[in-house]
Amino acid sequence: MLQSRLGDVAVAIFDARLDGRQTKDLVGLPELGSPGRWVVKRVVQQIKTAAREYAQALGDPDFLRRVEGLLDAEAATVAQRTATTQRRRVAVRA
């Protein structure tokens, strides 16, 4: 599904995450068309949307709840990292 909908970069990102690797490691890889950081981040968001849609299409409310829980937990982690980065920037400026 990811291949047909989002292409090679999405599959590479998904596979990397399943293998426990960081998505930032895929930035600039020539075999993926040298995607920039923004492209990788955008594709990650598209994968998340596709995961939610897939779970909804299955018609399994428990699976959908688990997928949404994982996506929410990941969003909270990103928000926390962003807040920490912003606090560090403010501290450096002070």
PDB file of N, CA and C in Angstrom:
ATOM      1  N   MET A   1       0.818  -1.183   0.000  1.00  0.00           N
ATOM      2  CA  MET A   1       0.000   0.000   0.000  1.00  0.00           C
ATOM      3  C   MET A   1       0.872   1.260   0.000  1.00  0.00           C
ATOM      4  N   LEU A   2       1.896   1.288   0.870  1.00  0.00           N
ATOM      5  CA  LEU A   2       2.760   2.467   0.904  1.00  0.00           C
ATOM      6  C   LEU A   2       3.474   2.679  -0.425  1.00  0.00           C
ATOM      7  N   GLN A   3       3.929   1.599  -1.015  1.00  0.00           N
ATOM      8  CA  GLN A   3       4.647   1.709  -2.289  1.00  0.00           C
ATOM      9  C   GLN A   3       3.758   2.331  -3.357  1.00  0.00           C
ATOM     10  N   SER A   4       2.550   1.833  -3.495  1.00  0.00           N
ATOM     11  CA  SER A   4       1.673   2.338  -4.562  1.00  0.00           C
ATOM     12  C   SER A   4       1.183   3.753  -4.267  1.00  0.00           C
ATOM     13  N   ARG A   5       1.003   4.083  -2.996  1.00  0.00           N
ATOM     14  CA  ARG A   5       0.461   5.388  -2.635  1.00  0.00           C
ATOM     15  C   ARG A   5       1.511   6.474  -2.474  1.00  0.00           C
ATOM     16  N   LEU A   6       2.639   6.118  -1.853  1.00  0.00           N
ATOM     17  CA  LEU A   6       3.615   7.143  -1.476  1.00  0.00           C
ATOM     18  C   LEU A   6       5.013   6.941  -2.060  1.00  0.00           C
ATOM     19  N   GLY A   7       5.283   5.764  -2.625  1.00  0.00           N
ATOM     20  CA  GLY A   7       6.555   5.548  -3.307  1.00  0.00           C
ATOM     21  C   GLY A   7       7.681   4.985  -2.460  1.00  0.00           C
ATOM     22  N   ASP A   8       8.857   4.968  -3.072  1.00  0.00           N
ATOM     23  CA  ASP A   8      10.041   4.331  -2.480  1.00  0.00           C
ATOM     24  C   ASP A   8      10.498   4.969  -1.175  1.00  0.00           C
ATOM     25  N   VAL A   9      10.430   6.291  -1.093  1.00  0.00           N
ATOM     26  CA  VAL A   9      10.891   6.968   0.119  1.00  0.00           C
ATOM     27  C   VAL A   9      10.048   6.522   1.314  1.00  0.00           C
ATOM     28  N   ALA A  10       8.732   6.421   1.116  1.00  0.00           N
ATOM     29  CA  ALA A  10       7.847   5.999   2.210  1.00  0.00           C
ATOM     30  C   ALA A  10       8.174   4.580   2.661  1.00  0.00           C
ATOM     31  N   VAL A  11       8.402   3.693   1.721  1.00  0.00           N
ATOM     32  CA  VAL A  11       8.737   2.310   2.066  1.00  0.00           C
ATOM     33  C   VAL A  11      10.070   2.268   2.817  1.00  0.00           C
ATOM     34  N   ALA A  12      11.036   3.039   2.357  1.00  0.00           N
ATOM     35  CA  ALA A  12      12.346   3.070   3.023  1.00  0.00           C
ATOM     36  C   ALA A  12      12.224   3.616   4.439  1.00  0.00           C
ATOM     37  N   ILE A  13      11.427   4.652   4.627  1.00  0.00           N
ATOM     38  CA  ILE A  13      11.225   5.223   5.953  1.00  0.00           C
ATOM     39  C   ILE A  13      10.536   4.207   6.861  1.00  0.00           C
ATOM     40  N   PHE A  14       9.491   3.587   6.363  1.00  0.00           N
ATOM     41  CA  PHE A  14       8.748   2.601   7.141  1.00  0.00           C
ATOM     42  C   PHE A  14       9.653   1.432   7.537  1.00  0.00           C
ATOM     43  N   ASP A  15      10.412   0.934   6.575  1.00  0.00           N
ATOM     44  CA  ASP A  15      11.336  -0.176   6.853  1.00  0.00           C
ATOM     45  C   ASP A  15      12.404   0.230   7.872  1.00  0.00           C
ATOM     46  N   ALA A  16      12.912   1.453   7.739  1.00  0.00           N
ATOM     47  CA  ALA A  16      13.936   1.930   8.670  1.00  0.00           C
ATOM     48  C   ALA A  16      13.387   1.977  10.093  1.00  0.00           C
ATOM     49  N   ARG A  17      12.178   2.475  10.242  1.00  0.00           N
ATOM     50  CA  ARG A  17      11.578   2.552  11.577  1.00  0.00           C
ATOM     51  C   ARG A  17      11.312   1.161  12.145  1.00  0.00           C
ATOM     52  N   LEU A  18      10.873   0.240  11.297  1.00  0.00           N
ATOM     53  CA  LEU A  18      10.664  -1.128  11.770  1.00  0.00           C
ATOM     54  C   LEU A  18      11.973  -1.771  12.215  1.00  0.00           C
ATOM     55  N   ASP A  19      13.070  -1.366  11.575  1.00  0.00           N
ATOM     56  CA  ASP A  19      14.394  -1.885  11.936  1.00  0.00           C
ATOM     57  C   ASP A  19      15.016  -1.130  13.109  1.00  0.00           C
ATOM     58  N   GLY A  20      14.299  -0.123  13.626  1.00  0.00           N
ATOM     59  CA  GLY A  20      14.808   0.642  14.757  1.00  0.00           C
ATOM     60  C   GLY A  20      15.771   1.754  14.384  1.00  0.00           C
ATOM     61  N   ARG A  21      15.868   2.060  13.099  1.00  0.00           N
ATOM     62  CA  ARG A  21      16.758   3.131  12.647  1.00  0.00           C
ATOM     63  C   ARG A  21      16.027   4.468  12.661  1.00  0.00           C
ATOM     64  N   GLN A  22      16.785   5.549  12.638  1.00  0.00           N
ATOM     65  CA  GLN A  22      16.240   6.898  12.629  1.00  0.00           C
ATOM     66  C   GLN A  22      15.917   7.333  11.202  1.00  0.00           C
ATOM     67  N   THR A  23      14.840   8.084  11.045  1.00  0.00           N
ATOM     68  CA  THR A  23      14.480   8.562   9.712  1.00  0.00           C
ATOM     69  C   THR A  23      15.483   9.590   9.207  1.00  0.00           C
ATOM     70  N   LYS A  24      16.133  10.294  10.115  1.00  0.00           N
ATOM     71  CA  LYS A  24      17.112  11.297   9.680  1.00  0.00           C
ATOM     72  C   LYS A  24      18.272  10.662   8.915  1.00  0.00           C
ATOM     73  N   ASP A  25      18.498   9.365   9.122  1.00  0.00           N
ATOM     74  CA  ASP A  25      19.563   8.665   8.397  1.00  0.00           C
ATOM     75  C   ASP A  25      19.262   8.546   6.902  1.00  0.00           C
ATOM     76  N   LEU A  26      18.011   8.765   6.516  1.00  0.00           N
ATOM     77  CA  LEU A  26      17.618   8.630   5.114  1.00  0.00           C
ATOM     78  C   LEU A  26      17.751   9.936   4.332  1.00  0.00           C
ATOM     79  N   VAL A  27      17.941  11.035   5.051  1.00  0.00           N
ATOM     80  CA  VAL A  27      18.078  12.334   4.394  1.00  0.00           C
ATOM     81  C   VAL A  27      19.312  12.318   3.505  1.00  0.00           C
ATOM     82  N   GLY A  28      19.109  12.686   2.247  1.00  0.00           N
ATOM     83  CA  GLY A  28      20.219  12.797   1.304  1.00  0.00           C
ATOM     84  C   GLY A  28      20.695  11.515   0.653  1.00  0.00           C
ATOM     85  N   LEU A  29      20.062  10.380   0.945  1.00  0.00           N
ATOM     86  CA  LEU A  29      20.514   9.121   0.341  1.00  0.00           C
ATOM     87  C   LEU A  29      20.263   9.127  -1.167  1.00  0.00           C
ATOM     88  N   PRO A  30      21.322   8.943  -1.953  1.00  0.00           N
ATOM     89  CA  PRO A  30      21.169   8.970  -3.409  1.00  0.00           C
ATOM     90  C   PRO A  30      20.209   7.903  -3.930  1.00  0.00           C
ATOM     91  N   GLU A  31      20.206   6.716  -3.306  1.00  0.00           N
ATOM     92  CA  GLU A  31      19.338   5.642  -3.795  1.00  0.00           C
ATOM     93  C   GLU A  31      17.849   5.946  -3.602  1.00  0.00           C
ATOM     94  N   LEU A  32      17.538   6.984  -2.813  1.00  0.00           N
ATOM     95  CA  LEU A  32      16.146   7.403  -2.622  1.00  0.00           C
ATOM     96  C   LEU A  32      15.856   8.722  -3.326  1.00  0.00           C
ATOM     97  N   GLY A  33      16.786   9.140  -4.158  1.00  0.00           N
ATOM     98  CA  GLY A  33      16.605  10.401  -4.862  1.00  0.00           C
ATOM     99  C   GLY A  33      17.084  11.604  -4.064  1.00  0.00           C
ATOM    100  N   SER A  34      17.923  11.360  -3.065  1.00  0.00           N
ATOM    101  CA  SER A  34      18.502  12.402  -2.214  1.00  0.00           C
ATOM    102  C   SER A  34      17.452  13.311  -1.578  1.00  0.00           C
ATOM    103  N   PRO A  35      16.503  12.723  -0.850  1.00  0.00           N
ATOM    104  CA  PRO A  35      15.465  13.568  -0.254  1.00  0.00           C
ATOM    105  C   PRO A  35      16.027  14.471   0.838  1.00  0.00           C
ATOM    106  N   GLY A  36      15.500  15.677   0.885  1.00  0.00           N
ATOM    107  CA  GLY A  36      15.893  16.607   1.940  1.00  0.00           C
ATOM    108  C   GLY A  36      15.139  16.305   3.224  1.00  0.00           C
ATOM    109  N   ARG A  37      15.512  17.008   4.270  1.00  0.00           N
ATOM    110  CA  ARG A  37      14.883  16.808   5.571  1.00  0.00           C
ATOM    111  C   ARG A  37      13.379  17.090   5.521  1.00  0.00           C
ATOM    112  N   TRP A  38      13.005  18.150   4.817  1.00  0.00           N
ATOM    113  CA  TRP A  38      11.599  18.512   4.720  1.00  0.00           C
ATOM    114  C   TRP A  38      10.799  17.419   4.019  1.00  0.00           C
ATOM    115  N   VAL A  39      11.356  16.844   2.958  1.00  0.00           N
ATOM    116  CA  VAL A  39      10.675  15.769   2.231  1.00  0.00           C
ATOM    117  C   VAL A  39      10.471  14.567   3.140  1.00  0.00           C
ATOM    118  N   VAL A  40      11.502  14.191   3.876  1.00  0.00           N
ATOM    119  CA  VAL A  40      11.393  13.041   4.778  1.00  0.00           C
ATOM    120  C   VAL A  40      10.323  13.302   5.836  1.00  0.00           C
ATOM    121  N   LYS A  41      10.309  14.491   6.421  1.00  0.00           N
ATOM    122  CA  LYS A  41       9.302  14.813   7.437  1.00  0.00           C
ATOM    123  C   LYS A  41       7.894  14.772   6.850  1.00  0.00           C
ATOM    124  N   ARG A  42       7.746  15.299   5.640  1.00  0.00           N
ATOM    125  CA  ARG A  42       6.430  15.298   4.987  1.00  0.00           C
ATOM    126  C   ARG A  42       5.964  13.871   4.725  1.00  0.00           C
ATOM    127  N   VAL A  43       6.858  13.012   4.258  1.00  0.00           N
ATOM    128  CA  VAL A  43       6.499  11.620   3.987  1.00  0.00           C
ATOM    129  C   VAL A  43       6.152  10.893   5.285  1.00  0.00           C
ATOM    130  N   VAL A  44       6.845  11.196   6.376  1.00  0.00           N
ATOM    131  CA  VAL A  44       6.509  10.596   7.669  1.00  0.00           C
ATOM    132  C   VAL A  44       5.061  10.939   8.024  1.00  0.00           C
ATOM    133  N   GLN A  45       4.675  12.190   7.833  1.00  0.00           N
ATOM    134  CA  GLN A  45       3.290  12.587   8.107  1.00  0.00           C
ATOM    135  C   GLN A  45       2.310  11.843   7.203  1.00  0.00           C
ATOM    136  N   GLN A  46       2.674  11.653   5.947  1.00  0.00           N
ATOM    137  CA  GLN A  46       1.815  10.915   5.022  1.00  0.00           C
ATOM    138  C   GLN A  46       1.683   9.447   5.439  1.00  0.00           C
ATOM    139  N   ILE A  47       2.750   8.871   5.944  1.00  0.00           N
ATOM    140  CA  ILE A  47       2.708   7.485   6.430  1.00  0.00           C
ATOM    141  C   ILE A  47       1.760   7.385   7.621  1.00  0.00           C
ATOM    142  N   LYS A  48       1.827   8.349   8.514  1.00  0.00           N
ATOM    143  CA  LYS A  48       0.937   8.346   9.676  1.00  0.00           C
ATOM    144  C   LYS A  48      -0.522   8.434   9.241  1.00  0.00           C
ATOM    145  N   THR A  49      -0.799   9.288   8.284  1.00  0.00           N
ATOM    146  CA  THR A  49      -2.165   9.400   7.763  1.00  0.00           C
ATOM    147  C   THR A  49      -2.598   8.081   7.130  1.00  0.00           C
ATOM    148  N   ALA A  50      -1.709   7.473   6.361  1.00  0.00           N
ATOM    149  CA  ALA A  50      -2.026   6.195   5.714  1.00  0.00           C
ATOM    150  C   ALA A  50      -2.265   5.100   6.752  1.00  0.00           C
ATOM    151  N   ALA A  51      -1.493   5.109   7.830  1.00  0.00           N
ATOM    152  CA  ALA A  51      -1.672   4.098   8.887  1.00  0.00           C
ATOM    153  C   ALA A  51      -3.042   4.232   9.530  1.00  0.00           C
ATOM    154  N   ARG A  52      -3.433   5.457   9.803  1.00  0.00           N
ATOM    155  CA  ARG A  52      -4.750   5.698  10.405  1.00  0.00           C
ATOM    156  C   ARG A  52      -5.855   5.265   9.433  1.00  0.00           C
ATOM    157  N   GLU A  53      -5.726   5.626   8.171  1.00  0.00           N
ATOM    158  CA  GLU A  53      -6.733   5.254   7.167  1.00  0.00           C
ATOM    159  C   GLU A  53      -6.815   3.741   6.993  1.00  0.00           C
ATOM    160  N   TYR A  54      -5.669   3.079   7.019  1.00  0.00           N
ATOM    161  CA  TYR A  54      -5.637   1.627   6.896  1.00  0.00           C
ATOM    162  C   TYR A  54      -6.372   0.982   8.066  1.00  0.00           C
ATOM    163  N   ALA A  55      -6.083   1.476   9.270  1.00  0.00           N
ATOM    164  CA  ALA A  55      -6.728   0.934  10.466  1.00  0.00           C
ATOM    165  C   ALA A  55      -8.242   1.160  10.416  1.00  0.00           C
ATOM    166  N   GLN A  56      -8.651   2.310   9.932  1.00  0.00           N
ATOM    167  CA  GLN A  56     -10.085   2.591   9.801  1.00  0.00           C
ATOM    168  C   GLN A  56     -10.733   1.666   8.776  1.00  0.00           C
ATOM    169  N   ALA A  57     -10.039   1.428   7.667  1.00  0.00           N
ATOM    170  CA  ALA A  57     -10.583   0.593   6.600  1.00  0.00           C
ATOM    171  C   ALA A  57     -10.758  -0.858   7.038  1.00  0.00           C
ATOM    172  N   LEU A  58      -9.928  -1.302   7.971  1.00  0.00           N
ATOM    173  CA  LEU A  58     -10.038  -2.682   8.447  1.00  0.00           C
ATOM    174  C   LEU A  58     -11.326  -2.920   9.228  1.00  0.00           C
ATOM    175  N   GLY A  59     -11.878  -1.858   9.784  1.00  0.00           N
ATOM    176  CA  GLY A  59     -13.104  -2.005  10.551  1.00  0.00           C
ATOM    177  C   GLY A  59     -12.900  -2.681  11.896  1.00  0.00           C
ATOM    178  N   ASP A  60     -11.692  -2.654  12.402  1.00  0.00           N
ATOM    179  CA  ASP A  60     -11.360  -3.247  13.708  1.00  0.00           C
ATOM    180  C   ASP A  60     -11.120  -2.105  14.698  1.00  0.00           C
ATOM    181  N   PRO A  61     -12.132  -1.784  15.532  1.00  0.00           N
ATOM    182  CA  PRO A  61     -11.993  -0.638  16.426  1.00  0.00           C
ATOM    183  C   PRO A  61     -10.824  -0.760  17.411  1.00  0.00           C
ATOM    184  N   ASP A  62     -10.504  -1.968  17.842  1.00  0.00           N
ATOM    185  CA  ASP A  62      -9.387  -2.150  18.763  1.00  0.00           C
ATOM    186  C   ASP A  62      -8.064  -1.815  18.077  1.00  0.00           C
ATOM    187  N   PHE A  63      -7.889  -2.301  16.857  1.00  0.00           N
ATOM    188  CA  PHE A  63      -6.672  -2.006  16.108  1.00  0.00           C
ATOM    189  C   PHE A  63      -6.561  -0.508  15.843  1.00  0.00           C
ATOM    190  N   LEU A  64      -7.664   0.121  15.448  1.00  0.00           N
ATOM    191  CA  LEU A  64      -7.662   1.566  15.206  1.00  0.00           C
ATOM    192  C   LEU A  64      -7.281   2.312  16.486  1.00  0.00           C
ATOM    193  N   ARG A  65      -7.820   1.926  17.607  1.00  0.00           N
ATOM    194  CA  ARG A  65      -7.514   2.560  18.886  1.00  0.00           C
ATOM    195  C   ARG A  65      -6.021   2.426  19.207  1.00  0.00           C
ATOM    196  N   ARG A  66      -5.454   1.253  18.937  1.00  0.00           N
ATOM    197  CA  ARG A  66      -4.020   1.046  19.199  1.00  0.00           C
ATOM    198  C   ARG A  66      -3.168   1.910  18.276  1.00  0.00           C
ATOM    199  N   VAL A  67      -3.530   1.966  16.993  1.00  0.00           N
ATOM    200  CA  VAL A  67      -2.783   2.804  16.043  1.00  0.00           C
ATOM    201  C   VAL A  67      -2.862   4.265  16.471  1.00  0.00           C
ATOM    202  N   GLU A  68      -4.045   4.730  16.807  1.00  0.00           N
ATOM    203  CA  GLU A  68      -4.194   6.120  17.232  1.00  0.00           C
ATOM    204  C   GLU A  68      -3.433   6.388  18.526  1.00  0.00           C
ATOM    205  N   GLY A  69      -3.410   5.421  19.424  1.00  0.00           N
ATOM    206  CA  GLY A  69      -2.642   5.577  20.651  1.00  0.00           C
ATOM    207  C   GLY A  69      -1.151   5.719  20.377  1.00  0.00           C
ATOM    208  N   LEU A  70      -0.648   4.905  19.461  1.00  0.00           N
ATOM    209  CA  LEU A  70       0.770   5.001  19.087  1.00  0.00           C
ATOM    210  C   LEU A  70       1.080   6.337  18.424  1.00  0.00           C
ATOM    211  N   LEU A  71       0.195   6.783  17.532  1.00  0.00           N
ATOM    212  CA  LEU A  71       0.400   8.060  16.863  1.00  0.00           C
ATOM    213  C   LEU A  71       0.334   9.216  17.860  1.00  0.00           C
ATOM    214  N   ASP A  72      -0.588   9.148  18.808  1.00  0.00           N
ATOM    215  CA  ASP A  72      -0.691  10.187  19.833  1.00  0.00           C
ATOM    216  C   ASP A  72       0.545  10.211  20.722  1.00  0.00           C
ATOM    217  N   ALA A  73       1.041   9.041  21.099  1.00  0.00           N
ATOM    218  CA  ALA A  73       2.239   8.966  21.938  1.00  0.00           C
ATOM    219  C   ALA A  73       3.446   9.537  21.202  1.00  0.00           C
ATOM    220  N   GLU A  74       3.545   9.234  19.938  1.00  0.00           N
ATOM    221  CA  GLU A  74       4.659   9.744  19.136  1.00  0.00           C
ATOM    222  C   GLU A  74       4.543  11.257  18.994  1.00  0.00           C
ATOM    223  N   ALA A  75       3.335  11.769  18.799  1.00  0.00           N
ATOM    224  CA  ALA A  75       3.124  13.215  18.690  1.00  0.00           C
ATOM    225  C   ALA A  75       3.510  13.914  19.987  1.00  0.00           C
ATOM    226  N   ALA A  76       3.204  13.307  21.124  1.00  0.00           N
ATOM    227  CA  ALA A  76       3.576  13.882  22.417  1.00  0.00           C
ATOM    228  C   ALA A  76       5.094  13.933  22.571  1.00  0.00           C
ATOM    229  N   THR A  77       5.773  12.899  22.119  1.00  0.00           N
ATOM    230  CA  THR A  77       7.238  12.867  22.177  1.00  0.00           C
ATOM    231  C   THR A  77       7.831  13.975  21.321  1.00  0.00           C
ATOM    232  N   VAL A  78       7.303  14.144  20.115  1.00  0.00           N
ATOM    233  CA  VAL A  78       7.787  15.205  19.215  1.00  0.00           C
ATOM    234  C   VAL A  78       7.548  16.570  19.845  1.00  0.00           C
ATOM    235  N   ALA A  79       6.370  16.774  20.434  1.00  0.00           N
ATOM    236  CA  ALA A  79       6.062  18.053  21.078  1.00  0.00           C
ATOM    237  C   ALA A  79       7.026  18.329  22.226  1.00  0.00           C
ATOM    238  N   GLN A  80       7.337  17.303  22.995  1.00  0.00           N
ATOM    239  CA  GLN A  80       8.266  17.460  24.117  1.00  0.00           C
ATOM    240  C   GLN A  80       9.663  17.814  23.609  1.00  0.00           C
ATOM    241  N   ARG A  81      10.103  17.154  22.561  1.00  0.00           N
ATOM    242  CA  ARG A  81      11.422  17.463  21.989  1.00  0.00           C
ATOM    243  C   ARG A  81      11.464  18.887  21.455  1.00  0.00           C
ATOM    244  N   THR A  82      10.391  19.302  20.793  1.00  0.00           N
ATOM    245  CA  THR A  82      10.325  20.650  20.248  1.00  0.00           C
ATOM    246  C   THR A  82      10.385  21.677  21.369  1.00  0.00           C
ATOM    247  N   ALA A  83       9.649  21.451  22.440  1.00  0.00           N
ATOM    248  CA  ALA A  83       9.659  22.372  23.580  1.00  0.00           C
ATOM    249  C   ALA A  83      11.044  22.458  24.205  1.00  0.00           C
ATOM    250  N   THR A  84      11.717  21.324  24.335  1.00  0.00           N
ATOM    251  CA  THR A  84      13.063  21.303  24.906  1.00  0.00           C
ATOM    252  C   THR A  84      14.027  22.080  24.018  1.00  0.00           C
ATOM    253  N   THR A  85      13.930  21.893  22.723  1.00  0.00           N
ATOM    254  CA  THR A  85      14.789  22.613  21.780  1.00  0.00           C
ATOM    255  C   THR A  85      14.543  24.116  21.867  1.00  0.00           C
ATOM    256  N   GLN A  86      13.284  24.510  21.963  1.00  0.00           N
ATOM    257  CA  GLN A  86      12.963  25.939  22.061  1.00  0.00           C
ATOM    258  C   GLN A  86      13.496  26.535  23.356  1.00  0.00           C
ATOM    259  N   ARG A  87      13.381  25.792  24.458  1.00  0.00           N
ATOM    260  CA  ARG A  87      13.913  26.289  25.736  1.00  0.00           C
ATOM    261  C   ARG A  87      15.426  26.468  25.653  1.00  0.00           C
ATOM    262  N   ARG A  88      16.098  25.549  25.007  1.00  0.00           N
ATOM    263  CA  ARG A  88      17.558  25.654  24.864  1.00  0.00           C
ATOM    264  C   ARG A  88      17.926  26.877  24.038  1.00  0.00           C
ATOM    265  N   ARG A  89      17.177  27.124  22.974  1.00  0.00           N
ATOM    266  CA  ARG A  89      17.462  28.296  22.140  1.00  0.00           C
ATOM    267  C   ARG A  89      17.266  29.588  22.920  1.00  0.00           C
ATOM    268  N   VAL A  90      16.216  29.641  23.715  1.00  0.00           N
ATOM    269  CA  VAL A  90      15.968  30.834  24.536  1.00  0.00           C
ATOM    270  C   VAL A  90      17.097  31.013  25.546  1.00  0.00           C
ATOM    271  N   ALA A  91      17.547  29.935  26.163  1.00  0.00           N
ATOM    272  CA  ALA A  91      18.613  30.002  27.155  1.00  0.00           C
ATOM    273  C   ALA A  91      19.923  30.472  26.522  1.00  0.00           C
ATOM    274  N   VAL A  92      20.193  30.067  25.295  1.00  0.00           N
ATOM    275  CA  VAL A  92      21.418  30.464  24.610  1.00  0.00           C
ATOM    276  C   VAL A  92      21.379  31.951  24.292  1.00  0.00           C
ATOM    277  N   ARG A  93      20.216  32.458  23.923  1.00  0.00           N
ATOM    278  CA  ARG A  93      20.072  33.873  23.597  1.00  0.00           C
ATOM    279  C   ARG A  93      20.190  34.766  24.827  1.00  0.00           C
ATOM    280  N   ALA A  94      19.844  34.223  25.982  1.00  0.00           N
ATOM    281  CA  ALA A  94      19.832  35.035  27.217  1.00  0.00           C
ATOM    282  C   ALA A  94      21.204  35.311  27.755  1.00  0.00           C
TER     283      ALA A  94
END
